[in-house]
């Protein structure tokens, strides 16, 4: 799989252009407040500025995050009214759904099915931020699990309803226990954690909705992933105002344990890190420029497999459960 298979360059560049414009429209005058590391509460050190947002890195756990952080009201307006949000929910989803279904969602559904079989006896999946409903379709195709989609976007919630799913049109923070079933459940969220304004509060609320031993499986971006470390402020994954938090396998464990979750398995099953560096090699150092001049396709694949298996991919998957009591 190549990066452009799931993120066609023209469409992705337009999305990033709109997002950069939105940082000026919605955040230029927004009040900001100092923010400690979201994993361990250590004061971070400023490392770079991008599109008007300052990023800090925690000297203790290496979490990369936005600090100071604009007030939440600016993000509410942004996610409700911004052109880049509308573009993502309409054009980007529509134009890439077929490729992303084959390259991302079918394999991910198989992986979630496997993890549920290994770690849980769940009868229901609660998909937080279900988006276009593609994962819900794919997991329904290969399991008999009930699926509930939690999706606050009116547009995307309607898409999921048309596909026949039970949809709760709310943010997780506004969800009530009565909105979802009370049996054995597996909560999932994909590419959401890096967007969260306060990941600790999110986990606290999620824990209040979960029963003991319910499973939570999520994917997010790891700030110690090789492509992010190499490209740094030039990384397209570092995309304000969307991506505010870049945990890593060590720091996400710290956060989960502090919020009453037991980490069961933390992996980085990514497939695109080396290809992403290759596509942006003008921002990399001499080693990478040399590597891509002389490396074979097998060399690149071997390196990608090493990066993924040793937890240095920027695509991170976390399996955890609520601790009893």
C-alpha atoms as a PDB file:
ATOM      1  CA  UNK A   1       0.000   0.000   0.000  1.00  0.00           C
ATOM      2  CA  UNK A   2       1.172   3.527  -0.852  1.00  0.00           C
ATOM      3  CA  UNK A   3       0.171   6.790   0.792  1.00  0.00           C
ATOM      4  CA  UNK A   4      -1.579   8.089  -2.330  1.00  0.00           C
ATOM      5  CA  UNK A   5      -3.790   4.974  -2.447  1.00  0.00           C
ATOM      6  CA  UNK A   6      -5.746   6.291   0.546  1.00  0.00           C
ATOM      7  CA  UNK A   7      -4.920  10.010   0.386  1.00  0.00           C
ATOM      8  CA  UNK A   8      -4.939  11.142  -3.269  1.00  0.00           C
ATOM      9  CA  UNK A   9      -2.480  14.013  -3.423  1.00  0.00           C
ATOM     10  CA  UNK A  10      -4.754  16.607  -5.023  1.00  0.00           C
ATOM     11  CA  UNK A  11      -7.640  15.987  -2.626  1.00  0.00           C
ATOM     12  CA  UNK A  12      -5.403  15.797   0.451  1.00  0.00           C
ATOM     13  CA  UNK A  13      -3.514  18.977  -0.459  1.00  0.00           C
ATOM     14  CA  UNK A  14      -6.799  20.852  -0.876  1.00  0.00           C
ATOM     15  CA  UNK A  15      -7.929  19.632   2.540  1.00  0.00           C
ATOM     16  CA  UNK A  16      -4.679  20.832   4.120  1.00  0.00           C
ATOM     17  CA  UNK A  17      -4.997  24.185   2.329  1.00  0.00           C
ATOM     18  CA  UNK A  18      -8.503  24.687   3.687  1.00  0.00           C
ATOM     19  CA  UNK A  19      -7.371  23.668   7.164  1.00  0.00           C
ATOM     20  CA  UNK A  20      -4.565  26.226   7.087  1.00  0.00           C
ATOM     21  CA  UNK A  21      -7.049  28.937   6.131  1.00  0.00           C
ATOM     22  CA  UNK A  22      -9.344  27.813   8.939  1.00  0.00           C
ATOM     23  CA  UNK A  23      -6.573  28.259  11.502  1.00  0.00           C
ATOM     24  CA  UNK A  24      -6.663  31.988  10.681  1.00  0.00           C
ATOM     25  CA  UNK A  25     -10.449  32.292  10.551  1.00  0.00           C
ATOM     26  CA  UNK A  26     -11.304  30.425  13.750  1.00  0.00           C
ATOM     27  CA  UNK A  27      -8.187  30.605  15.926  1.00  0.00           C
ATOM     28  CA  UNK A  28      -6.198  33.775  15.184  1.00  0.00           C
ATOM     29  CA  UNK A  29      -7.890  35.741  17.974  1.00  0.00           C
ATOM     30  CA  UNK A  30      -8.847  32.830  20.233  1.00  0.00           C
ATOM     31  CA  UNK A  31      -7.639  33.078  23.860  1.00  0.00           C
ATOM     32  CA  UNK A  32      -5.048  30.434  24.688  1.00  0.00           C
ATOM     33  CA  UNK A  33      -3.968  28.786  27.892  1.00  0.00           C
ATOM     34  CA  UNK A  34      -0.825  26.920  28.917  1.00  0.00           C
ATOM     35  CA  UNK A  35      -1.267  23.133  28.816  1.00  0.00           C
ATOM     36  CA  UNK A  36       0.833  20.515  30.576  1.00  0.00           C
ATOM     37  CA  UNK A  37       1.677  17.202  28.938  1.00  0.00           C
ATOM     38  CA  UNK A  38      -1.646  15.345  28.493  1.00  0.00           C
ATOM     39  CA  UNK A  39       0.028  12.051  29.455  1.00  0.00           C
ATOM     40  CA  UNK A  40       2.072  12.860  32.574  1.00  0.00           C
ATOM     41  CA  UNK A  41       1.349  16.547  33.353  1.00  0.00           C
ATOM     42  CA  UNK A  42       5.005  17.572  33.002  1.00  0.00           C
ATOM     43  CA  UNK A  43       5.658  21.046  31.571  1.00  0.00           C
ATOM     44  CA  UNK A  44       6.587  20.685  27.919  1.00  0.00           C
ATOM     45  CA  UNK A  45       9.300  22.450  25.938  1.00  0.00           C
ATOM     46  CA  UNK A  46       8.436  24.389  22.782  1.00  0.00           C
ATOM     47  CA  UNK A  47       9.753  22.632  19.663  1.00  0.00           C
ATOM     48  CA  UNK A  48       8.132  24.353  16.667  1.00  0.00           C
ATOM     49  CA  UNK A  49       5.263  26.489  15.421  1.00  0.00           C
ATOM     50  CA  UNK A  50       2.975  25.501  12.545  1.00  0.00           C
ATOM     51  CA  UNK A  51       0.081  27.435  11.022  1.00  0.00           C
ATOM     52  CA  UNK A  52      -0.169  29.635  14.106  1.00  0.00           C
ATOM     53  CA  UNK A  53      -0.154  26.712  16.574  1.00  0.00           C
ATOM     54  CA  UNK A  54       2.729  26.066  18.988  1.00  0.00           C
ATOM     55  CA  UNK A  55       3.799  22.483  19.613  1.00  0.00           C
ATOM     56  CA  UNK A  56       5.632  21.348  22.737  1.00  0.00           C
ATOM     57  CA  UNK A  57       7.348  18.065  23.543  1.00  0.00           C
ATOM     58  CA  UNK A  58       7.314  16.507  27.003  1.00  0.00           C
ATOM     59  CA  UNK A  59      10.902  16.004  28.233  1.00  0.00           C
ATOM     60  CA  UNK A  60       9.769  13.009  30.319  1.00  0.00           C
ATOM     61  CA  UNK A  61       7.563  10.895  28.037  1.00  0.00           C
ATOM     62  CA  UNK A  62       8.111  12.499  24.587  1.00  0.00           C
ATOM     63  CA  UNK A  63       4.445  13.276  23.983  1.00  0.00           C
ATOM     64  CA  UNK A  64       4.111  15.965  21.303  1.00  0.00           C
ATOM     65  CA  UNK A  65       1.147  18.289  21.786  1.00  0.00           C
ATOM     66  CA  UNK A  66      -0.287  21.767  21.182  1.00  0.00           C
ATOM     67  CA  UNK A  67       0.671  24.236  23.925  1.00  0.00           C
ATOM     68  CA  UNK A  68      -0.696  26.800  24.619  1.00  0.00           C
ATOM     69  CA  UNK A  69      -4.089  25.498  23.562  1.00  0.00           C
ATOM     70  CA  UNK A  70      -6.916  27.684  22.192  1.00  0.00           C
ATOM     71  CA  UNK A  71     -10.064  27.606  24.295  1.00  0.00           C
ATOM     72  CA  UNK A  72     -12.608  24.875  23.530  1.00  0.00           C
ATOM     73  CA  UNK A  73     -15.212  27.319  22.197  1.00  0.00           C
ATOM     74  CA  UNK A  74     -12.969  28.041  19.189  1.00  0.00           C
ATOM     75  CA  UNK A  75     -12.867  24.323  18.366  1.00  0.00           C
ATOM     76  CA  UNK A  76     -16.654  24.056  18.735  1.00  0.00           C
ATOM     77  CA  UNK A  77     -17.086  26.794  16.135  1.00  0.00           C
ATOM     78  CA  UNK A  78     -14.455  25.231  13.923  1.00  0.00           C
ATOM     79  CA  UNK A  79     -15.977  21.741  13.887  1.00  0.00           C
ATOM     80  CA  UNK A  80     -19.455  23.191  13.313  1.00  0.00           C
ATOM     81  CA  UNK A  81     -18.794  25.773  10.616  1.00  0.00           C
ATOM     82  CA  UNK A  82     -15.386  25.350   8.962  1.00  0.00           C
ATOM     83  CA  UNK A  83     -14.832  24.728   5.232  1.00  0.00           C
ATOM     84  CA  UNK A  84     -12.164  22.065   5.901  1.00  0.00           C
ATOM     85  CA  UNK A  85     -14.522  20.098   8.163  1.00  0.00           C
ATOM     86  CA  UNK A  86     -17.234  20.191   5.484  1.00  0.00           C
ATOM     87  CA  UNK A  87     -14.696  19.194   2.809  1.00  0.00           C
ATOM     88  CA  UNK A  88     -13.542  16.220   4.889  1.00  0.00           C
ATOM     89  CA  UNK A  89     -17.105  15.074   5.596  1.00  0.00           C
ATOM     90  CA  UNK A  90     -18.212  15.349   1.968  1.00  0.00           C
ATOM     91  CA  UNK A  91     -15.573  15.441  -0.754  1.00  0.00           C
ATOM     92  CA  UNK A  92     -12.719  13.601   0.987  1.00  0.00           C
ATOM     93  CA  UNK A  93     -14.875  10.792   2.386  1.00  0.00           C
ATOM     94  CA  UNK A  94     -16.817  10.379  -0.849  1.00  0.00           C
ATOM     95  CA  UNK A  95     -13.818  10.417  -3.165  1.00  0.00           C
ATOM     96  CA  UNK A  96     -11.702   8.030  -1.089  1.00  0.00           C
ATOM     97  CA  UNK A  97     -14.291   5.653   0.352  1.00  0.00           C
ATOM     98  CA  UNK A  98     -13.718   2.816  -2.140  1.00  0.00           C
ATOM     99  CA  UNK A  99      -9.931   2.804  -1.760  1.00  0.00           C
ATOM    100  CA  UNK A 100     -10.032   3.256   1.997  1.00  0.00           C
ATOM    101  CA  UNK A 101     -12.590   0.446   2.329  1.00  0.00           C
ATOM    102  CA  UNK A 102     -10.228  -2.000   0.607  1.00  0.00           C
ATOM    103  CA  UNK A 103      -6.917  -0.754   1.979  1.00  0.00           C
ATOM    104  CA  UNK A 104      -7.905   0.294   5.512  1.00  0.00           C
ATOM    105  CA  UNK A 105     -11.344  -0.714   6.727  1.00  0.00           C
ATOM    106  CA  UNK A 106     -11.514  -4.343   5.602  1.00  0.00           C
ATOM    107  CA  UNK A 107      -8.127  -5.202   7.182  1.00  0.00           C
ATOM    108  CA  UNK A 108      -9.002  -3.155  10.269  1.00  0.00           C
ATOM    109  CA  UNK A 109     -12.326  -4.965  10.692  1.00  0.00           C
ATOM    110  CA  UNK A 110     -10.480  -8.295  10.551  1.00  0.00           C
ATOM    111  CA  UNK A 111      -8.014  -7.055  13.160  1.00  0.00           C
ATOM    112  CA  UNK A 112     -10.790  -5.863  15.479  1.00  0.00           C
ATOM    113  CA  UNK A 113     -12.611  -9.180  15.084  1.00  0.00           C
ATOM    114  CA  UNK A 114      -9.403 -10.993  16.035  1.00  0.00           C
ATOM    115  CA  UNK A 115      -8.791  -8.779  19.070  1.00  0.00           C
ATOM    116  CA  UNK A 116     -12.340  -9.202  20.342  1.00  0.00           C
ATOM    117  CA  UNK A 117     -11.961 -12.976  20.020  1.00  0.00           C
ATOM    118  CA  UNK A 118      -8.662 -12.843  21.962  1.00  0.00           C
ATOM    119  CA  UNK A 119      -9.571 -10.401  24.723  1.00  0.00           C
ATOM    120  CA  UNK A 120     -13.355 -10.129  25.072  1.00  0.00           C
ATOM    121  CA  UNK A 121     -16.753 -11.773  24.751  1.00  0.00           C
ATOM    122  CA  UNK A 122     -18.409  -8.619  23.483  1.00  0.00           C
ATOM    123  CA  UNK A 123     -21.838  -8.783  21.884  1.00  0.00           C
ATOM    124  CA  UNK A 124     -21.974  -5.144  20.789  1.00  0.00           C
ATOM    125  CA  UNK A 125     -19.584  -2.668  19.211  1.00  0.00           C
ATOM    126  CA  UNK A 126     -19.924   1.036  19.989  1.00  0.00           C
ATOM    127  CA  UNK A 127     -18.134   2.962  17.241  1.00  0.00           C
ATOM    128  CA  UNK A 128     -17.217   6.415  18.598  1.00  0.00           C
ATOM    129  CA  UNK A 129     -16.919   8.889  15.754  1.00  0.00           C
ATOM    130  CA  UNK A 130     -18.208   6.433  13.173  1.00  0.00           C
ATOM    131  CA  UNK A 131     -17.836   8.878  10.280  1.00  0.00           C
ATOM    132  CA  UNK A 132     -19.035   7.524   6.954  1.00  0.00           C
ATOM    133  CA  UNK A 133     -19.982   4.180   8.504  1.00  0.00           C
ATOM    134  CA  UNK A 134     -17.530   2.143   6.449  1.00  0.00           C
ATOM    135  CA  UNK A 135     -16.007   0.333   9.420  1.00  0.00           C
ATOM    136  CA  UNK A 136     -19.491  -0.393  10.766  1.00  0.00           C
ATOM    137  CA  UNK A 137     -20.392  -1.967   7.415  1.00  0.00           C
ATOM    138  CA  UNK A 138     -17.249  -4.090   7.296  1.00  0.00           C
ATOM    139  CA  UNK A 139     -17.402  -5.355  10.892  1.00  0.00           C
ATOM    140  CA  UNK A 140     -21.091  -6.204  10.373  1.00  0.00           C
ATOM    141  CA  UNK A 141     -20.155  -8.162   7.259  1.00  0.00           C
ATOM    142  CA  UNK A 142     -17.773 -10.510   9.098  1.00  0.00           C
ATOM    143  CA  UNK A 143     -19.363 -10.768  12.579  1.00  0.00           C
ATOM    144  CA  UNK A 144     -22.796 -11.047  14.169  1.00  0.00           C
ATOM    145  CA  UNK A 145     -22.086  -8.241  16.624  1.00  0.00           C
ATOM    146  CA  UNK A 146     -24.605  -5.439  17.044  1.00  0.00           C
ATOM    147  CA  UNK A 147     -23.139  -2.077  16.014  1.00  0.00           C
ATOM    148  CA  UNK A 148     -24.059   1.327  17.430  1.00  0.00           C
ATOM    149  CA  UNK A 149     -22.509   4.413  15.822  1.00  0.00           C
ATOM    150  CA  UNK A 150     -21.839   7.518  17.918  1.00  0.00           C
ATOM    151  CA  UNK A 151     -21.434  10.407  15.467  1.00  0.00           C
ATOM    152  CA  UNK A 152     -21.990  14.092  16.375  1.00  0.00           C
ATOM    153  CA  UNK A 153     -21.857  15.371  12.783  1.00  0.00           C
ATOM    154  CA  UNK A 154     -25.399  15.764  11.459  1.00  0.00           C
ATOM    155  CA  UNK A 155     -24.252  15.071   7.898  1.00  0.00           C
ATOM    156  CA  UNK A 156     -22.292  11.931   8.734  1.00  0.00           C
ATOM    157  CA  UNK A 157     -24.892  10.675  11.211  1.00  0.00           C
ATOM    158  CA  UNK A 158     -27.474  10.763   8.417  1.00  0.00           C
ATOM    159  CA  UNK A 159     -25.132   8.808   6.122  1.00  0.00           C
ATOM    160  CA  UNK A 160     -24.840   6.078   8.783  1.00  0.00           C
ATOM    161  CA  UNK A 161     -28.608   5.993   9.315  1.00  0.00           C
ATOM    162  CA  UNK A 162     -29.155   5.507   5.590  1.00  0.00           C
ATOM    163  CA  UNK A 163     -26.838   2.512   5.825  1.00  0.00           C
ATOM    164  CA  UNK A 164     -29.155   1.018   8.431  1.00  0.00           C
ATOM    165  CA  UNK A 165     -27.197   1.550  11.638  1.00  0.00           C
ATOM    166  CA  UNK A 166     -28.407   2.701  15.011  1.00  0.00           C
ATOM    167  CA  UNK A 167     -26.908   6.169  15.373  1.00  0.00           C
ATOM    168  CA  UNK A 168     -26.535   8.369  18.443  1.00  0.00           C
ATOM    169  CA  UNK A 169     -25.989  11.916  17.215  1.00  0.00           C
ATOM    170  CA  UNK A 170     -23.935  13.158  20.152  1.00  0.00           C
ATOM    171  CA  UNK A 171     -20.401  13.800  21.292  1.00  0.00           C
ATOM    172  CA  UNK A 172     -19.190  11.093  23.659  1.00  0.00           C
ATOM    173  CA  UNK A 173     -19.079  13.667  26.454  1.00  0.00           C
ATOM    174  CA  UNK A 174     -22.888  14.065  26.131  1.00  0.00           C
ATOM    175  CA  UNK A 175     -23.695  10.359  25.939  1.00  0.00           C
ATOM    176  CA  UNK A 176     -25.881   8.750  28.603  1.00  0.00           C
ATOM    177  CA  UNK A 177     -25.586   5.132  29.726  1.00  0.00           C
ATOM    178  CA  UNK A 178     -29.176   4.629  28.589  1.00  0.00           C
ATOM    179  CA  UNK A 179     -28.207   5.518  24.996  1.00  0.00           C
ATOM    180  CA  UNK A 180     -26.311   2.252  24.577  1.00  0.00           C
ATOM    181  CA  UNK A 181     -26.883  -1.366  25.536  1.00  0.00           C
ATOM    182  CA  UNK A 182     -25.788  -2.776  28.875  1.00  0.00           C
ATOM    183  CA  UNK A 183     -24.335  -6.092  27.739  1.00  0.00           C
ATOM    184  CA  UNK A 184     -20.712  -6.996  27.068  1.00  0.00           C
ATOM    185  CA  UNK A 185     -19.384  -4.275  24.775  1.00  0.00           C
ATOM    186  CA  UNK A 186     -16.327  -3.284  22.813  1.00  0.00           C
ATOM    187  CA  UNK A 187     -15.915   0.450  22.287  1.00  0.00           C
ATOM    188  CA  UNK A 188     -13.811   1.489  19.299  1.00  0.00           C
ATOM    189  CA  UNK A 189     -12.526   4.752  17.882  1.00  0.00           C
ATOM    190  CA  UNK A 190     -10.273   5.318  14.901  1.00  0.00           C
ATOM    191  CA  UNK A 191      -8.065   8.348  14.246  1.00  0.00           C
ATOM    192  CA  UNK A 192      -9.971  10.307  16.891  1.00  0.00           C
ATOM    193  CA  UNK A 193      -7.630  10.421  19.882  1.00  0.00           C
ATOM    194  CA  UNK A 194      -5.202  12.875  18.278  1.00  0.00           C
ATOM    195  CA  UNK A 195      -8.106  15.343  17.840  1.00  0.00           C
ATOM    196  CA  UNK A 196      -9.295  15.337  21.454  1.00  0.00           C
ATOM    197  CA  UNK A 197      -9.210  18.615  23.324  1.00  0.00           C
ATOM    198  CA  UNK A 198      -8.726  16.835  26.651  1.00  0.00           C
ATOM    199  CA  UNK A 199      -7.895  13.119  26.287  1.00  0.00           C
ATOM    200  CA  UNK A 200      -7.989  12.610  30.071  1.00  0.00           C
ATOM    201  CA  UNK A 201     -11.552  13.913  30.314  1.00  0.00           C
ATOM    202  CA  UNK A 202     -12.536  11.771  27.316  1.00  0.00           C
ATOM    203  CA  UNK A 203     -11.245   8.634  29.045  1.00  0.00           C
ATOM    204  CA  UNK A 204     -12.899   9.600  32.317  1.00  0.00           C
ATOM    205  CA  UNK A 205     -16.283   9.943  30.590  1.00  0.00           C
ATOM    206  CA  UNK A 206     -15.770   6.754  28.616  1.00  0.00           C
ATOM    207  CA  UNK A 207     -14.979   4.885  31.819  1.00  0.00           C
ATOM    208  CA  UNK A 208     -18.255   6.096  33.322  1.00  0.00           C
ATOM    209  CA  UNK A 209     -20.128   4.581  30.364  1.00  0.00           C
ATOM    210  CA  UNK A 210     -18.309   1.266  30.410  1.00  0.00           C
ATOM    211  CA  UNK A 211     -18.950  -1.852  32.439  1.00  0.00           C
ATOM    212  CA  UNK A 212     -16.089  -3.650  34.180  1.00  0.00           C
ATOM    213  CA  UNK A 213     -13.951  -5.529  31.646  1.00  0.00           C
ATOM    214  CA  UNK A 214     -15.528  -3.799  28.632  1.00  0.00           C
ATOM    215  CA  UNK A 215     -12.901  -3.422  25.930  1.00  0.00           C
ATOM    216  CA  UNK A 216     -11.756  -0.183  24.299  1.00  0.00           C
ATOM    217  CA  UNK A 217      -9.769  -0.427  21.059  1.00  0.00           C
ATOM    218  CA  UNK A 218      -8.500   2.708  19.364  1.00  0.00           C
ATOM    219  CA  UNK A 219      -6.004   3.854  16.789  1.00  0.00           C
ATOM    220  CA  UNK A 220      -4.135   7.130  16.895  1.00  0.00           C
ATOM    221  CA  UNK A 221      -0.912   8.787  15.764  1.00  0.00           C
ATOM    222  CA  UNK A 222       2.320   8.065  17.622  1.00  0.00           C
ATOM    223  CA  UNK A 223       4.686  11.004  17.945  1.00  0.00           C
ATOM    224  CA  UNK A 224       7.669   8.653  18.090  1.00  0.00           C
ATOM    225  CA  UNK A 225       6.734   7.190  14.714  1.00  0.00           C
ATOM    226  CA  UNK A 226       9.648   7.352  12.319  1.00  0.00           C
ATOM    227  CA  UNK A 227       7.975   9.525   9.678  1.00  0.00           C
ATOM    228  CA  UNK A 228       6.908  12.136  12.237  1.00  0.00           C
ATOM    229  CA  UNK A 229      10.334  12.191  13.916  1.00  0.00           C
ATOM    230  CA  UNK A 230      12.115  12.574  10.574  1.00  0.00           C
ATOM    231  CA  UNK A 231       9.800  15.162   9.008  1.00  0.00           C
ATOM    232  CA  UNK A 232       8.876  16.895  12.279  1.00  0.00           C
ATOM    233  CA  UNK A 233       7.154  20.252  11.560  1.00  0.00           C
ATOM    234  CA  UNK A 234       7.057  19.334   7.851  1.00  0.00           C
ATOM    235  CA  UNK A 235       5.021  16.203   8.587  1.00  0.00           C
ATOM    236  CA  UNK A 236       1.535  16.429   7.081  1.00  0.00           C
ATOM    237  CA  UNK A 237       0.299  14.432  10.066  1.00  0.00           C
ATOM    238  CA  UNK A 238       1.131  17.454  12.213  1.00  0.00           C
ATOM    239  CA  UNK A 239      -1.969  19.230  11.020  1.00  0.00           C
ATOM    240  CA  UNK A 240      -3.471  21.917  13.242  1.00  0.00           C
ATOM    241  CA  UNK A 241      -6.188  22.526  14.214  1.00  0.00           C
ATOM    242  CA  UNK A 242      -7.069  18.834  13.808  1.00  0.00           C
ATOM    243  CA  UNK A 243      -4.180  17.018  15.443  1.00  0.00           C
ATOM    244  CA  UNK A 244      -3.489  18.265  18.946  1.00  0.00           C
ATOM    245  CA  UNK A 245      -1.990  15.215  20.690  1.00  0.00           C
ATOM    246  CA  UNK A 246       0.697  12.791  19.588  1.00  0.00           C
ATOM    247  CA  UNK A 247       1.083  10.162  22.285  1.00  0.00           C
ATOM    248  CA  UNK A 248       3.429   7.193  21.883  1.00  0.00           C
ATOM    249  CA  UNK A 249       3.404   3.586  23.146  1.00  0.00           C
ATOM    250  CA  UNK A 250       4.966   4.569  26.476  1.00  0.00           C
ATOM    251  CA  UNK A 251       3.011   7.735  27.169  1.00  0.00           C
ATOM    252  CA  UNK A 252      -0.382   6.375  26.154  1.00  0.00           C
ATOM    253  CA  UNK A 253       0.140   3.569  28.664  1.00  0.00           C
ATOM    254  CA  UNK A 254       0.787   6.176  31.385  1.00  0.00           C
ATOM    255  CA  UNK A 255      -2.382   8.064  30.472  1.00  0.00           C
ATOM    256  CA  UNK A 256      -4.576   4.951  30.392  1.00  0.00           C
ATOM    257  CA  UNK A 257      -3.361   3.659  33.749  1.00  0.00           C
ATOM    258  CA  UNK A 258      -3.943   7.064  35.347  1.00  0.00           C
ATOM    259  CA  UNK A 259      -7.572   6.958  34.181  1.00  0.00           C
ATOM    260  CA  UNK A 260      -8.492   3.460  35.363  1.00  0.00           C
ATOM    261  CA  UNK A 261      -7.745   1.479  32.200  1.00  0.00           C
ATOM    262  CA  UNK A 262      -5.582  -1.606  31.864  1.00  0.00           C
ATOM    263  CA  UNK A 263      -3.486  -1.581  28.674  1.00  0.00           C
ATOM    264  CA  UNK A 264      -3.769  -5.055  27.158  1.00  0.00           C
ATOM    265  CA  UNK A 265      -1.773  -4.611  23.962  1.00  0.00           C
ATOM    266  CA  UNK A 266      -0.111  -1.618  22.292  1.00  0.00           C
ATOM    267  CA  UNK A 267       1.198  -2.088  18.753  1.00  0.00           C
ATOM    268  CA  UNK A 268       2.141   0.042  15.750  1.00  0.00           C
ATOM    269  CA  UNK A 269       0.856  -1.922  12.737  1.00  0.00           C
ATOM    270  CA  UNK A 270       1.473   0.901  10.247  1.00  0.00           C
ATOM    271  CA  UNK A 271       2.394   0.310   6.622  1.00  0.00           C
ATOM    272  CA  UNK A 272       3.119   3.784   5.247  1.00  0.00           C
ATOM    273  CA  UNK A 273       5.903   5.394   7.299  1.00  0.00           C
ATOM    274  CA  UNK A 274       8.734   4.745   4.848  1.00  0.00           C
ATOM    275  CA  UNK A 275       6.607   5.700   1.852  1.00  0.00           C
ATOM    276  CA  UNK A 276       5.578   8.944   3.568  1.00  0.00           C
ATOM    277  CA  UNK A 277       9.226   9.858   4.158  1.00  0.00           C
ATOM    278  CA  UNK A 278       9.999   9.031   0.527  1.00  0.00           C
ATOM    279  CA  UNK A 279       7.164  11.288  -0.659  1.00  0.00           C
ATOM    280  CA  UNK A 280       8.575  14.136   1.435  1.00  0.00           C
ATOM    281  CA  UNK A 281      12.284  13.369   1.196  1.00  0.00           C
ATOM    282  CA  UNK A 282      13.089  17.042   0.487  1.00  0.00           C
ATOM    283  CA  UNK A 283      12.445  17.620   4.197  1.00  0.00           C
ATOM    284  CA  UNK A 284      14.577  14.678   5.369  1.00  0.00           C
ATOM    285  CA  UNK A 285      18.317  14.489   6.040  1.00  0.00           C
ATOM    286  CA  UNK A 286      21.179  13.125   3.932  1.00  0.00           C
ATOM    287  CA  UNK A 287      20.741   9.557   5.162  1.00  0.00           C
ATOM    288  CA  UNK A 288      17.187   9.322   3.863  1.00  0.00           C
ATOM    289  CA  UNK A 289      18.035  11.023   0.574  1.00  0.00           C
ATOM    290  CA  UNK A 290      20.764   8.432   0.078  1.00  0.00           C
ATOM    291  CA  UNK A 291      18.578   5.539   1.195  1.00  0.00           C
ATOM    292  CA  UNK A 292      15.858   6.271  -1.347  1.00  0.00           C
ATOM    293  CA  UNK A 293      18.386   6.634  -4.154  1.00  0.00           C
ATOM    294  CA  UNK A 294      19.852   3.178  -3.656  1.00  0.00           C
ATOM    295  CA  UNK A 295      17.203   1.112  -1.812  1.00  0.00           C
ATOM    296  CA  UNK A 296      15.190  -1.539  -3.603  1.00  0.00           C
ATOM    297  CA  UNK A 297      11.476  -1.983  -3.049  1.00  0.00           C
ATOM    298  CA  UNK A 298      12.314  -4.991  -0.882  1.00  0.00           C
ATOM    299  CA  UNK A 299      14.692  -2.852   1.194  1.00  0.00           C
ATOM    300  CA  UNK A 300      11.899  -0.347   1.795  1.00  0.00           C
ATOM    301  CA  UNK A 301       9.424  -3.066   2.714  1.00  0.00           C
ATOM    302  CA  UNK A 302      11.910  -4.753   5.056  1.00  0.00           C
ATOM    303  CA  UNK A 303      12.540  -1.458   6.832  1.00  0.00           C
ATOM    304  CA  UNK A 304       8.803  -0.774   7.110  1.00  0.00           C
ATOM    305  CA  UNK A 305       8.247  -4.180   8.675  1.00  0.00           C
ATOM    306  CA  UNK A 306      11.040  -3.533  11.185  1.00  0.00           C
ATOM    307  CA  UNK A 307       9.601  -0.106  12.070  1.00  0.00           C
ATOM    308  CA  UNK A 308       6.124  -1.547  12.611  1.00  0.00           C
ATOM    309  CA  UNK A 309       7.166  -4.599  14.595  1.00  0.00           C
ATOM    310  CA  UNK A 310       9.406  -2.536  16.910  1.00  0.00           C
ATOM    311  CA  UNK A 311       6.682   0.053  17.692  1.00  0.00           C
ATOM    312  CA  UNK A 312       8.242   2.883  15.697  1.00  0.00           C
ATOM    313  CA  UNK A 313       5.396   3.380  13.226  1.00  0.00           C
ATOM    314  CA  UNK A 314       3.277   6.504  13.599  1.00  0.00           C
ATOM    315  CA  UNK A 315       0.097   4.399  13.285  1.00  0.00           C
ATOM    316  CA  UNK A 316      -0.626   3.065  16.774  1.00  0.00           C
ATOM    317  CA  UNK A 317      -3.314   0.628  17.903  1.00  0.00           C
ATOM    318  CA  UNK A 318      -4.239   0.302  21.578  1.00  0.00           C
ATOM    319  CA  UNK A 319      -6.303  -2.445  23.191  1.00  0.00           C
ATOM    320  CA  UNK A 320      -7.318  -1.742  26.780  1.00  0.00           C
ATOM    321  CA  UNK A 321     -10.079  -2.589  29.241  1.00  0.00           C
ATOM    322  CA  UNK A 322     -11.776  -0.873  32.100  1.00  0.00           C
ATOM    323  CA  UNK A 323     -10.312  -1.989  35.420  1.00  0.00           C
ATOM    324  CA  UNK A 324     -12.784  -3.694  37.749  1.00  0.00           C
ATOM    325  CA  UNK A 325     -14.095  -1.601  40.589  1.00  0.00           C
END
